[in-house]
Amino acid sequence: MNTEEFLRLIEKQCPCPQTLPKALQAMWYDNKGDWNKAHEIVQDARDADSAWVHAYLHRKEGDLNNARYWYRRSGQVEFLGGLNQEWEQITSVLLKKVNVMHGC
């Protein structure tokens, strides 16, 4: 699945498929406009991908100090482009990981 297919799925389906990794579930809800649900999903997760999404969410919120903390936890550099660009980058990377895991 690529980013465009993921976006089409978001448009068609609600709620989010529970088979997705938590980080992608959070990106799903963020795209749907539910920042709180997205944050709830990743706030207690301990993996690097969820930390990356957590960083993005706090950057989107405007809490840059908290975002920087989560970027460090994720091992990712702080994104300096637009929020839509960052959403697309994170989602694309996460989808590639899922595709590899499922042999796509």
PDB file of N, CA and C in Angstrom:
ATOM      1  N   MET A   1       0.849  -1.166   0.000  1.00  0.00           N
ATOM      2  CA  MET A   1       0.000   0.000   0.000  1.00  0.00           C
ATOM      3  C   MET A   1       0.900   1.236   0.000  1.00  0.00           C
ATOM      4  N   ASN A   2       0.553   2.208  -0.823  1.00  0.00           N
ATOM      5  CA  ASN A   2       1.302   3.458  -0.829  1.00  0.00           C
ATOM      6  C   ASN A   2       0.472   4.564  -0.171  1.00  0.00           C
ATOM      7  N   THR A   3       1.025   5.766  -0.118  1.00  0.00           N
ATOM      8  CA  THR A   3       0.356   6.863   0.583  1.00  0.00           C
ATOM      9  C   THR A   3      -0.988   7.207  -0.051  1.00  0.00           C
ATOM     10  N   GLU A   4      -1.054   7.226  -1.383  1.00  0.00           N
ATOM     11  CA  GLU A   4      -2.326   7.550  -2.046  1.00  0.00           C
ATOM     12  C   GLU A   4      -3.402   6.517  -1.725  1.00  0.00           C
ATOM     13  N   GLU A   5      -3.017   5.244  -1.731  1.00  0.00           N
ATOM     14  CA  GLU A   5      -3.975   4.190  -1.390  1.00  0.00           C
ATOM     15  C   GLU A   5      -4.422   4.318   0.064  1.00  0.00           C
ATOM     16  N   PHE A   6      -3.501   4.660   0.935  1.00  0.00           N
ATOM     17  CA  PHE A   6      -3.823   4.867   2.347  1.00  0.00           C
ATOM     18  C   PHE A   6      -4.824   6.014   2.495  1.00  0.00           C
ATOM     19  N   LEU A   7      -4.598   7.101   1.771  1.00  0.00           N
ATOM     20  CA  LEU A   7      -5.519   8.246   1.823  1.00  0.00           C
ATOM     21  C   LEU A   7      -6.900   7.870   1.297  1.00  0.00           C
ATOM     22  N   ARG A   8      -6.959   7.079   0.234  1.00  0.00           N
ATOM     23  CA  ARG A   8      -8.258   6.631  -0.288  1.00  0.00           C
ATOM     24  C   ARG A   8      -8.965   5.756   0.737  1.00  0.00           C
ATOM     25  N   LEU A   9      -8.210   4.922   1.414  1.00  0.00           N
ATOM     26  CA  LEU A   9      -8.787   4.069   2.448  1.00  0.00           C
ATOM     27  C   LEU A   9      -9.341   4.913   3.594  1.00  0.00           C
ATOM     28  N   ILE A  10      -8.611   5.955   3.975  1.00  0.00           N
ATOM     29  CA  ILE A  10      -9.074   6.855   5.033  1.00  0.00           C
ATOM     30  C   ILE A  10     -10.404   7.489   4.634  1.00  0.00           C
ATOM     31  N   GLU A  11     -10.516   7.910   3.388  1.00  0.00           N
ATOM     32  CA  GLU A  11     -11.749   8.545   2.906  1.00  0.00           C
ATOM     33  C   GLU A  11     -12.934   7.601   2.942  1.00  0.00           C
ATOM     34  N   LYS A  12     -12.704   6.321   2.658  1.00  0.00           N
ATOM     35  CA  LYS A  12     -13.782   5.345   2.536  1.00  0.00           C
ATOM     36  C   LYS A  12     -14.190   4.705   3.854  1.00  0.00           C
ATOM     37  N   GLN A  13     -13.242   4.544   4.754  1.00  0.00           N
ATOM     38  CA  GLN A  13     -13.477   3.666   5.896  1.00  0.00           C
ATOM     39  C   GLN A  13     -13.351   4.393   7.223  1.00  0.00           C
ATOM     40  N   CYS A  14     -14.275   4.075   8.098  1.00  0.00           N
ATOM     41  CA  CYS A  14     -14.204   4.536   9.471  1.00  0.00           C
ATOM     42  C   CYS A  14     -14.849   3.452  10.305  1.00  0.00           C
ATOM     43  N   PRO A  15     -14.300   3.006  11.337  1.00  0.00           N
ATOM     44  CA  PRO A  15     -13.086   3.469  11.989  1.00  0.00           C
ATOM     45  C   PRO A  15     -11.831   2.883  11.349  1.00  0.00           C
ATOM     46  N   CYS A  16     -10.735   3.282  11.907  1.00  0.00           N
ATOM     47  CA  CYS A  16      -9.413   2.853  11.456  1.00  0.00           C
ATOM     48  C   CYS A  16      -9.259   1.342  11.626  1.00  0.00           C
ATOM     49  N   PRO A  17      -8.670   0.665  10.640  1.00  0.00           N
ATOM     50  CA  PRO A  17      -8.422  -0.777  10.795  1.00  0.00           C
ATOM     51  C   PRO A  17      -7.463  -1.057  11.956  1.00  0.00           C
ATOM     52  N   GLN A  18      -7.881  -1.905  12.857  1.00  0.00           N
ATOM     53  CA  GLN A  18      -7.067  -2.239  14.032  1.00  0.00           C
ATOM     54  C   GLN A  18      -5.865  -3.098  13.675  1.00  0.00           C
ATOM     55  N   THR A  19      -5.800  -3.574  12.438  1.00  0.00           N
ATOM     56  CA  THR A  19      -4.670  -4.393  12.010  1.00  0.00           C
ATOM     57  C   THR A  19      -3.431  -3.552  11.702  1.00  0.00           C
ATOM     58  N   LEU A  20      -3.610  -2.243  11.579  1.00  0.00           N
ATOM     59  CA  LEU A  20      -2.473  -1.355  11.325  1.00  0.00           C
ATOM     60  C   LEU A  20      -1.630  -1.208  12.589  1.00  0.00           C
ATOM     61  N   PRO A  21      -0.318  -1.015  12.432  1.00  0.00           N
ATOM     62  CA  PRO A  21       0.515  -0.696  13.597  1.00  0.00           C
ATOM     63  C   PRO A  21       0.025   0.606  14.248  1.00  0.00           C
ATOM     64  N   LYS A  22       0.282   0.751  15.524  1.00  0.00           N
ATOM     65  CA  LYS A  22      -0.200   1.920  16.275  1.00  0.00           C
ATOM     66  C   LYS A  22       0.208   3.245  15.636  1.00  0.00           C
ATOM     67  N   ALA A  23       1.445   3.331  15.160  1.00  0.00           N
ATOM     68  CA  ALA A  23       1.907   4.584  14.553  1.00  0.00           C
ATOM     69  C   ALA A  23       1.055   4.952  13.340  1.00  0.00           C
ATOM     70  N   LEU A  24       0.708   3.974  12.513  1.00  0.00           N
ATOM     71  CA  LEU A  24      -0.142   4.255  11.352  1.00  0.00           C
ATOM     72  C   LEU A  24      -1.579   4.540  11.765  1.00  0.00           C
ATOM     73  N   GLN A  25      -2.056   3.877  12.805  1.00  0.00           N
ATOM     74  CA  GLN A  25      -3.391   4.201  13.315  1.00  0.00           C
ATOM     75  C   GLN A  25      -3.453   5.669  13.731  1.00  0.00           C
ATOM     76  N   ALA A  26      -2.399   6.120  14.398  1.00  0.00           N
ATOM     77  CA  ALA A  26      -2.362   7.519  14.839  1.00  0.00           C
ATOM     78  C   ALA A  26      -2.347   8.469  13.646  1.00  0.00           C
ATOM     79  N   MET A  27      -1.593   8.141  12.605  1.00  0.00           N
ATOM     80  CA  MET A  27      -1.565   8.987  11.413  1.00  0.00           C
ATOM     81  C   MET A  27      -2.939   9.011  10.744  1.00  0.00           C
ATOM     82  N   TRP A  28      -3.620   7.884  10.775  1.00  0.00           N
ATOM     83  CA  TRP A  28      -4.992   7.775  10.241  1.00  0.00           C
ATOM     84  C   TRP A  28      -5.896   8.784  10.953  1.00  0.00           C
ATOM     85  N   TYR A  29      -5.906   8.712  12.295  1.00  0.00           N
ATOM     86  CA  TYR A  29      -6.797   9.600  13.058  1.00  0.00           C
ATOM     87  C   TYR A  29      -6.389  11.057  12.927  1.00  0.00           C
ATOM     88  N   ASP A  30      -5.091  11.323  12.844  1.00  0.00           N
ATOM     89  CA  ASP A  30      -4.655  12.696  12.634  1.00  0.00           C
ATOM     90  C   ASP A  30      -5.205  13.216  11.308  1.00  0.00           C
ATOM     91  N   ASN A  31      -5.137  12.406  10.274  1.00  0.00           N
ATOM     92  CA  ASN A  31      -5.659  12.818   8.969  1.00  0.00           C
ATOM     93  C   ASN A  31      -7.161  13.042   9.010  1.00  0.00           C
ATOM     94  N   LYS A  32      -7.855  12.308   9.859  1.00  0.00           N
ATOM     95  CA  LYS A  32      -9.297  12.466  10.032  1.00  0.00           C
ATOM     96  C   LYS A  32      -9.645  13.690  10.889  1.00  0.00           C
ATOM     97  N   GLY A  33      -8.615  14.369  11.405  1.00  0.00           N
ATOM     98  CA  GLY A  33      -8.851  15.555  12.226  1.00  0.00           C
ATOM     99  C   GLY A  33      -9.009  15.271  13.704  1.00  0.00           C
ATOM    100  N   ASP A  34      -8.674  14.063  14.132  1.00  0.00           N
ATOM    101  CA  ASP A  34      -8.824  13.689  15.543  1.00  0.00           C
ATOM    102  C   ASP A  34      -7.439  13.607  16.198  1.00  0.00           C
ATOM    103  N   TRP A  35      -6.855  14.788  16.474  1.00  0.00           N
ATOM    104  CA  TRP A  35      -5.531  14.868  17.092  1.00  0.00           C
ATOM    105  C   TRP A  35      -5.509  14.131  18.428  1.00  0.00           C
ATOM    106  N   ASN A  36      -6.557  14.305  19.219  1.00  0.00           N
ATOM    107  CA  ASN A  36      -6.594  13.689  20.550  1.00  0.00           C
ATOM    108  C   ASN A  36      -6.526  12.169  20.474  1.00  0.00           C
ATOM    109  N   LYS A  37      -7.287  11.562  19.568  1.00  0.00           N
ATOM    110  CA  LYS A  37      -7.258  10.104  19.418  1.00  0.00           C
ATOM    111  C   LYS A  37      -5.879   9.657  18.934  1.00  0.00           C
ATOM    112  N   ALA A  38      -5.309  10.405  17.983  1.00  0.00           N
ATOM    113  CA  ALA A  38      -3.977  10.075  17.474  1.00  0.00           C
ATOM    114  C   ALA A  38      -2.953  10.105  18.611  1.00  0.00           C
ATOM    115  N   HIS A  39      -3.015  11.146  19.416  1.00  0.00           N
ATOM    116  CA  HIS A  39      -2.083  11.287  20.534  1.00  0.00           C
ATOM    117  C   HIS A  39      -2.281  10.182  21.560  1.00  0.00           C
ATOM    118  N   GLU A  40      -3.525   9.862  21.841  1.00  0.00           N
ATOM    119  CA  GLU A  40      -3.845   8.801  22.798  1.00  0.00           C
ATOM    120  C   GLU A  40      -3.212   7.471  22.374  1.00  0.00           C
ATOM    121  N   ILE A  41      -3.213   7.196  21.077  1.00  0.00           N
ATOM    122  CA  ILE A  41      -2.684   5.933  20.562  1.00  0.00           C
ATOM    123  C   ILE A  41      -1.182   5.828  20.769  1.00  0.00           C
ATOM    124  N   VAL A  42      -0.446   6.921  20.553  1.00  0.00           N
ATOM    125  CA  VAL A  42       1.022   6.833  20.606  1.00  0.00           C
ATOM    126  C   VAL A  42       1.645   7.280  21.922  1.00  0.00           C
ATOM    127  N   GLN A  43       0.878   7.915  22.787  1.00  0.00           N
ATOM    128  CA  GLN A  43       1.502   8.510  23.973  1.00  0.00           C
ATOM    129  C   GLN A  43       2.144   7.490  24.904  1.00  0.00           C
ATOM    130  N   ASP A  44       1.658   6.275  24.962  1.00  0.00           N
ATOM    131  CA  ASP A  44       2.249   5.265  25.843  1.00  0.00           C
ATOM    132  C   ASP A  44       3.048   4.205  25.086  1.00  0.00           C
ATOM    133  N   ALA A  45       3.088   4.311  23.768  1.00  0.00           N
ATOM    134  CA  ALA A  45       3.842   3.336  22.973  1.00  0.00           C
ATOM    135  C   ALA A  45       5.334   3.593  23.155  1.00  0.00           C
ATOM    136  N   ARG A  46       6.123   2.557  23.089  1.00  0.00           N
ATOM    137  CA  ARG A  46       7.548   2.679  23.360  1.00  0.00           C
ATOM    138  C   ARG A  46       8.425   2.480  22.119  1.00  0.00           C
ATOM    139  N   ASP A  47       7.830   2.218  20.972  1.00  0.00           N
ATOM    140  CA  ASP A  47       8.633   1.975  19.778  1.00  0.00           C
ATOM    141  C   ASP A  47       9.023   3.297  19.105  1.00  0.00           C
ATOM    142  N   ALA A  48      10.065   3.246  18.297  1.00  0.00           N
ATOM    143  CA  ALA A  48      10.604   4.445  17.653  1.00  0.00           C
ATOM    144  C   ALA A  48       9.612   5.068  16.670  1.00  0.00           C
ATOM    145  N   ASP A  49       8.852   4.245  15.957  1.00  0.00           N
ATOM    146  CA  ASP A  49       7.887   4.793  14.997  1.00  0.00           C
ATOM    147  C   ASP A  49       6.797   5.599  15.704  1.00  0.00           C
ATOM    148  N   SER A  50       6.308   5.083  16.814  1.00  0.00           N
ATOM    149  CA  SER A  50       5.288   5.820  17.578  1.00  0.00           C
ATOM    150  C   SER A  50       5.866   7.103  18.159  1.00  0.00           C
ATOM    151  N   ALA A  51       7.126   7.060  18.582  1.00  0.00           N
ATOM    152  CA  ALA A  51       7.781   8.273  19.090  1.00  0.00           C
ATOM    153  C   ALA A  51       7.886   9.320  17.983  1.00  0.00           C
ATOM    154  N   TRP A  52       8.151   8.880  16.766  1.00  0.00           N
ATOM    155  CA  TRP A  52       8.237   9.793  15.625  1.00  0.00           C
ATOM    156  C   TRP A  52       6.890  10.457  15.366  1.00  0.00           C
ATOM    157  N   VAL A  53       5.833   9.657  15.383  1.00  0.00           N
ATOM    158  CA  VAL A  53       4.482  10.208  15.209  1.00  0.00           C
ATOM    159  C   VAL A  53       4.153  11.148  16.368  1.00  0.00           C
ATOM    160  N   HIS A  54       4.547  10.771  17.557  1.00  0.00           N
ATOM    161  CA  HIS A  54       4.327  11.594  18.748  1.00  0.00           C
ATOM    162  C   HIS A  54       5.003  12.957  18.567  1.00  0.00           C
ATOM    163  N   ALA A  55       6.228  12.947  18.047  1.00  0.00           N
ATOM    164  CA  ALA A  55       6.952  14.199  17.777  1.00  0.00           C
ATOM    165  C   ALA A  55       6.183  15.064  16.794  1.00  0.00           C
ATOM    166  N   TYR A  56       5.736  14.458  15.713  1.00  0.00           N
ATOM    167  CA  TYR A  56       4.959  15.176  14.695  1.00  0.00           C
ATOM    168  C   TYR A  56       3.699  15.794  15.315  1.00  0.00           C
ATOM    169  N   LEU A  57       3.008  15.019  16.128  1.00  0.00           N
ATOM    170  CA  LEU A  57       1.763  15.522  16.728  1.00  0.00           C
ATOM    171  C   LEU A  57       2.028  16.724  17.631  1.00  0.00           C
ATOM    172  N   HIS A  58       3.099  16.672  18.422  1.00  0.00           N
ATOM    173  CA  HIS A  58       3.406  17.818  19.281  1.00  0.00           C
ATOM    174  C   HIS A  58       3.889  19.014  18.468  1.00  0.00           C
ATOM    175  N   ARG A  59       4.573  18.755  17.368  1.00  0.00           N
ATOM    176  CA  ARG A  59       4.953  19.852  16.472  1.00  0.00           C
ATOM    177  C   ARG A  59       3.696  20.495  15.899  1.00  0.00           C
ATOM    178  N   LYS A  60       2.754  19.670  15.498  1.00  0.00           N
ATOM    179  CA  LYS A  60       1.488  20.169  14.951  1.00  0.00           C
ATOM    180  C   LYS A  60       0.735  20.990  15.995  1.00  0.00           C
ATOM    181  N   GLU A  61       0.809  20.545  17.227  1.00  0.00           N
ATOM    182  CA  GLU A  61       0.152  21.232  18.341  1.00  0.00           C
ATOM    183  C   GLU A  61       0.828  22.571  18.640  1.00  0.00           C
ATOM    184  N   GLY A  62       2.097  22.701  18.241  1.00  0.00           N
ATOM    185  CA  GLY A  62       2.850  23.918  18.524  1.00  0.00           C
ATOM    186  C   GLY A  62       3.740  23.810  19.742  1.00  0.00           C
ATOM    187  N   ASP A  63       3.819  22.622  20.339  1.00  0.00           N
ATOM    188  CA  ASP A  63       4.652  22.382  21.510  1.00  0.00           C
ATOM    189  C   ASP A  63       6.012  21.866  21.040  1.00  0.00           C
ATOM    190  N   LEU A  64       6.864  22.785  20.581  1.00  0.00           N
ATOM    191  CA  LEU A  64       8.123  22.399  19.933  1.00  0.00           C
ATOM    192  C   LEU A  64       9.123  21.760  20.886  1.00  0.00           C
ATOM    193  N   ASN A  65       9.152  22.179  22.140  1.00  0.00           N
ATOM    194  CA  ASN A  65      10.076  21.549  23.095  1.00  0.00           C
ATOM    195  C   ASN A  65       9.730  20.076  23.294  1.00  0.00           C
ATOM    196  N   ASN A  66       8.450  19.803  23.452  1.00  0.00           N
ATOM    197  CA  ASN A  66       8.000  18.420  23.609  1.00  0.00           C
ATOM    198  C   ASN A  66       8.251  17.643  22.319  1.00  0.00           C
ATOM    199  N   ALA A  67       8.003  18.266  21.173  1.00  0.00           N
ATOM    200  CA  ALA A  67       8.256  17.613  19.885  1.00  0.00           C
ATOM    201  C   ALA A  67       9.724  17.227  19.763  1.00  0.00           C
ATOM    202  N   ARG A  68      10.615  18.128  20.138  1.00  0.00           N
ATOM    203  CA  ARG A  68      12.058  17.852  20.035  1.00  0.00           C
ATOM    204  C   ARG A  68      12.457  16.656  20.897  1.00  0.00           C
ATOM    205  N   TYR A  69      11.866  16.565  22.076  1.00  0.00           N
ATOM    206  CA  TYR A  69      12.120  15.420  22.948  1.00  0.00           C
ATOM    207  C   TYR A  69      11.746  14.124  22.219  1.00  0.00           C
ATOM    208  N   TRP A  70      10.577  14.112  21.592  1.00  0.00           N
ATOM    209  CA  TRP A  70      10.111  12.902  20.921  1.00  0.00           C
ATOM    210  C   TRP A  70      10.878  12.623  19.644  1.00  0.00           C
ATOM    211  N   TYR A  71      11.344  13.655  18.945  1.00  0.00           N
ATOM    212  CA  TYR A  71      12.223  13.415  17.794  1.00  0.00           C
ATOM    213  C   TYR A  71      13.484  12.695  18.258  1.00  0.00           C
ATOM    214  N   ARG A  72      14.065  13.159  19.361  1.00  0.00           N
ATOM    215  CA  ARG A  72      15.269  12.495  19.886  1.00  0.00           C
ATOM    216  C   ARG A  72      14.968  11.045  20.251  1.00  0.00           C
ATOM    217  N   ARG A  73      13.845  10.798  20.904  1.00  0.00           N
ATOM    218  CA  ARG A  73      13.466   9.433  21.294  1.00  0.00           C
ATOM    219  C   ARG A  73      13.275   8.539  20.077  1.00  0.00           C
ATOM    220  N   SER A  74      12.804   9.130  18.991  1.00  0.00           N
ATOM    221  CA  SER A  74      12.527   8.350  17.787  1.00  0.00           C
ATOM    222  C   SER A  74      13.781   8.088  16.957  1.00  0.00           C
ATOM    223  N   GLY A  75      14.838   8.881  17.201  1.00  0.00           N
ATOM    224  CA  GLY A  75      16.032   8.778  16.378  1.00  0.00           C
ATOM    225  C   GLY A  75      15.910   9.521  15.060  1.00  0.00           C
ATOM    226  N   GLN A  76      14.876  10.329  14.918  1.00  0.00           N
ATOM    227  CA  GLN A  76      14.648  11.102  13.698  1.00  0.00           C
ATOM    228  C   GLN A  76      15.072  12.546  13.918  1.00  0.00           C
ATOM    229  N   VAL A  77      15.467  13.198  12.828  1.00  0.00           N
ATOM    230  CA  VAL A  77      15.790  14.620  12.927  1.00  0.00           C
ATOM    231  C   VAL A  77      14.497  15.421  12.901  1.00  0.00           C
ATOM    232  N   GLU A  78      14.548  16.575  13.538  1.00  0.00           N
ATOM    233  CA  GLU A  78      13.377  17.449  13.564  1.00  0.00           C
ATOM    234  C   GLU A  78      13.047  17.884  12.141  1.00  0.00           C
ATOM    235  N   PHE A  79      11.802  17.734  11.765  1.00  0.00           N
ATOM    236  CA  PHE A  79      11.355  18.091  10.423  1.00  0.00           C
ATOM    237  C   PHE A  79      11.168  19.596  10.348  1.00  0.00           C
ATOM    238  N   LEU A  80      11.664  20.214   9.291  1.00  0.00           N
ATOM    239  CA  LEU A  80      11.593  21.661   9.172  1.00  0.00           C
ATOM    240  C   LEU A  80      10.618  22.126   8.093  1.00  0.00           C
ATOM    241  N   GLY A  81      10.071  21.204   7.319  1.00  0.00           N
ATOM    242  CA  GLY A  81       9.114  21.554   6.270  1.00  0.00           C
ATOM    243  C   GLY A  81       7.699  21.706   6.827  1.00  0.00           C
ATOM    244  N   GLY A  82       6.743  21.711   5.925  1.00  0.00           N
ATOM    245  CA  GLY A  82       5.341  21.849   6.310  1.00  0.00           C
ATOM    246  C   GLY A  82       4.787  20.601   6.974  1.00  0.00           C
ATOM    247  N   LEU A  83       3.733  20.777   7.728  1.00  0.00           N
ATOM    248  CA  LEU A  83       3.111  19.656   8.435  1.00  0.00           C
ATOM    249  C   LEU A  83       2.563  18.610   7.465  1.00  0.00           C
ATOM    250  N   ASN A  84       1.976  19.057   6.352  1.00  0.00           N
ATOM    251  CA  ASN A  84       1.468  18.092   5.373  1.00  0.00           C
ATOM    252  C   ASN A  84       2.597  17.267   4.778  1.00  0.00           C
ATOM    253  N   GLN A  85       3.726  17.916   4.522  1.00  0.00           N
ATOM    254  CA  GLN A  85       4.896  17.197   3.999  1.00  0.00           C
ATOM    255  C   GLN A  85       5.391  16.171   5.009  1.00  0.00           C
ATOM    256  N   GLU A  86       5.405  16.563   6.277  1.00  0.00           N
ATOM    257  CA  GLU A  86       5.870  15.629   7.303  1.00  0.00           C
ATOM    258  C   GLU A  86       4.907  14.454   7.435  1.00  0.00           C
ATOM    259  N   TRP A  87       3.608  14.730   7.402  1.00  0.00           N
ATOM    260  CA  TRP A  87       2.610  13.652   7.474  1.00  0.00           C
ATOM    261  C   TRP A  87       2.862  12.655   6.349  1.00  0.00           C
ATOM    262  N   GLU A  88       3.061  13.176   5.136  1.00  0.00           N
ATOM    263  CA  GLU A  88       3.291  12.306   3.983  1.00  0.00           C
ATOM    264  C   GLU A  88       4.591  11.509   4.130  1.00  0.00           C
ATOM    265  N   GLN A  89       5.642  12.140   4.620  1.00  0.00           N
ATOM    266  CA  GLN A  89       6.916  11.445   4.790  1.00  0.00           C
ATOM    267  C   GLN A  89       6.793  10.317   5.809  1.00  0.00           C
ATOM    268  N   ILE A  90       6.255  10.631   6.966  1.00  0.00           N
ATOM    269  CA  ILE A  90       6.128   9.615   8.019  1.00  0.00           C
ATOM    270  C   ILE A  90       5.244   8.472   7.525  1.00  0.00           C
ATOM    271  N   THR A  91       4.107   8.808   6.954  1.00  0.00           N
ATOM    272  CA  THR A  91       3.168   7.788   6.493  1.00  0.00           C
ATOM    273  C   THR A  91       3.802   6.904   5.429  1.00  0.00           C
ATOM    274  N   SER A  92       4.524   7.512   4.500  1.00  0.00           N
ATOM    275  CA  SER A  92       5.182   6.752   3.442  1.00  0.00           C
ATOM    276  C   SER A  92       6.190   5.760   4.023  1.00  0.00           C
ATOM    277  N   VAL A  93       7.004   6.202   4.949  1.00  0.00           N
ATOM    278  CA  VAL A  93       8.001   5.320   5.569  1.00  0.00           C
ATOM    279  C   VAL A  93       7.314   4.192   6.337  1.00  0.00           C
ATOM    280  N   LEU A  94       6.286   4.527   7.104  1.00  0.00           N
ATOM    281  CA  LEU A  94       5.592   3.506   7.889  1.00  0.00           C
ATOM    282  C   LEU A  94       4.893   2.487   6.989  1.00  0.00           C
ATOM    283  N   LEU A  95       4.310   2.953   5.892  1.00  0.00           N
ATOM    284  CA  LEU A  95       3.645   2.034   4.963  1.00  0.00           C
ATOM    285  C   LEU A  95       4.656   1.101   4.305  1.00  0.00           C
ATOM    286  N   LYS A  96       5.836   1.599   3.985  1.00  0.00           N
ATOM    287  CA  LYS A  96       6.872   0.742   3.405  1.00  0.00           C
ATOM    288  C   LYS A  96       7.257  -0.362   4.387  1.00  0.00           C
ATOM    289  N   LYS A  97       7.337  -0.028   5.661  1.00  0.00           N
ATOM    290  CA  LYS A  97       7.660  -1.036   6.669  1.00  0.00           C
ATOM    291  C   LYS A  97       6.565  -2.109   6.742  1.00  0.00           C
ATOM    292  N   VAL A  98       5.314  -1.674   6.694  1.00  0.00           N
ATOM    293  CA  VAL A  98       4.192  -2.621   6.735  1.00  0.00           C
ATOM    294  C   VAL A  98       4.219  -3.503   5.509  1.00  0.00           C
ATOM    295  N   ASN A  99       4.485  -2.926   4.339  1.00  0.00           N
ATOM    296  CA  ASN A  99       4.536  -3.701   3.105  1.00  0.00           C
ATOM    297  C   ASN A  99       5.641  -4.743   3.153  1.00  0.00           C
ATOM    298  N   VAL A 100       6.786  -4.397   3.721  1.00  0.00           N
ATOM    299  CA  VAL A 100       7.887  -5.350   3.845  1.00  0.00           C
ATOM    300  C   VAL A 100       7.485  -6.472   4.793  1.00  0.00           C
ATOM    301  N   MET A 101       6.834  -6.106   5.912  1.00  0.00           N
ATOM    302  CA  MET A 101       6.415  -7.110   6.888  1.00  0.00           C
ATOM    303  C   MET A 101       5.405  -8.101   6.286  1.00  0.00           C
ATOM    304  N   HIS A 102       4.572  -7.604   5.386  1.00  0.00           N
ATOM    305  CA  HIS A 102       3.538  -8.450   4.793  1.00  0.00           C
ATOM    306  C   HIS A 102       3.939  -8.990   3.423  1.00  0.00           C
ATOM    307  N   GLY A 103       5.178  -8.746   3.030  1.00  0.00           N
ATOM    308  CA  GLY A 103       5.672  -9.289   1.779  1.00  0.00           C
ATOM    309  C   GLY A 103       5.086  -8.649   0.539  1.00  0.00           C
ATOM    310  N   CYS A 104       4.620  -7.412   0.653  1.00  0.00           N
ATOM    311  CA  CYS A 104       4.026  -6.733  -0.495  1.00  0.00           C
ATOM    312  C   CYS A 104       5.090  -6.081  -1.359  1.00  0.00           C
TER     313      CYS A 104
END
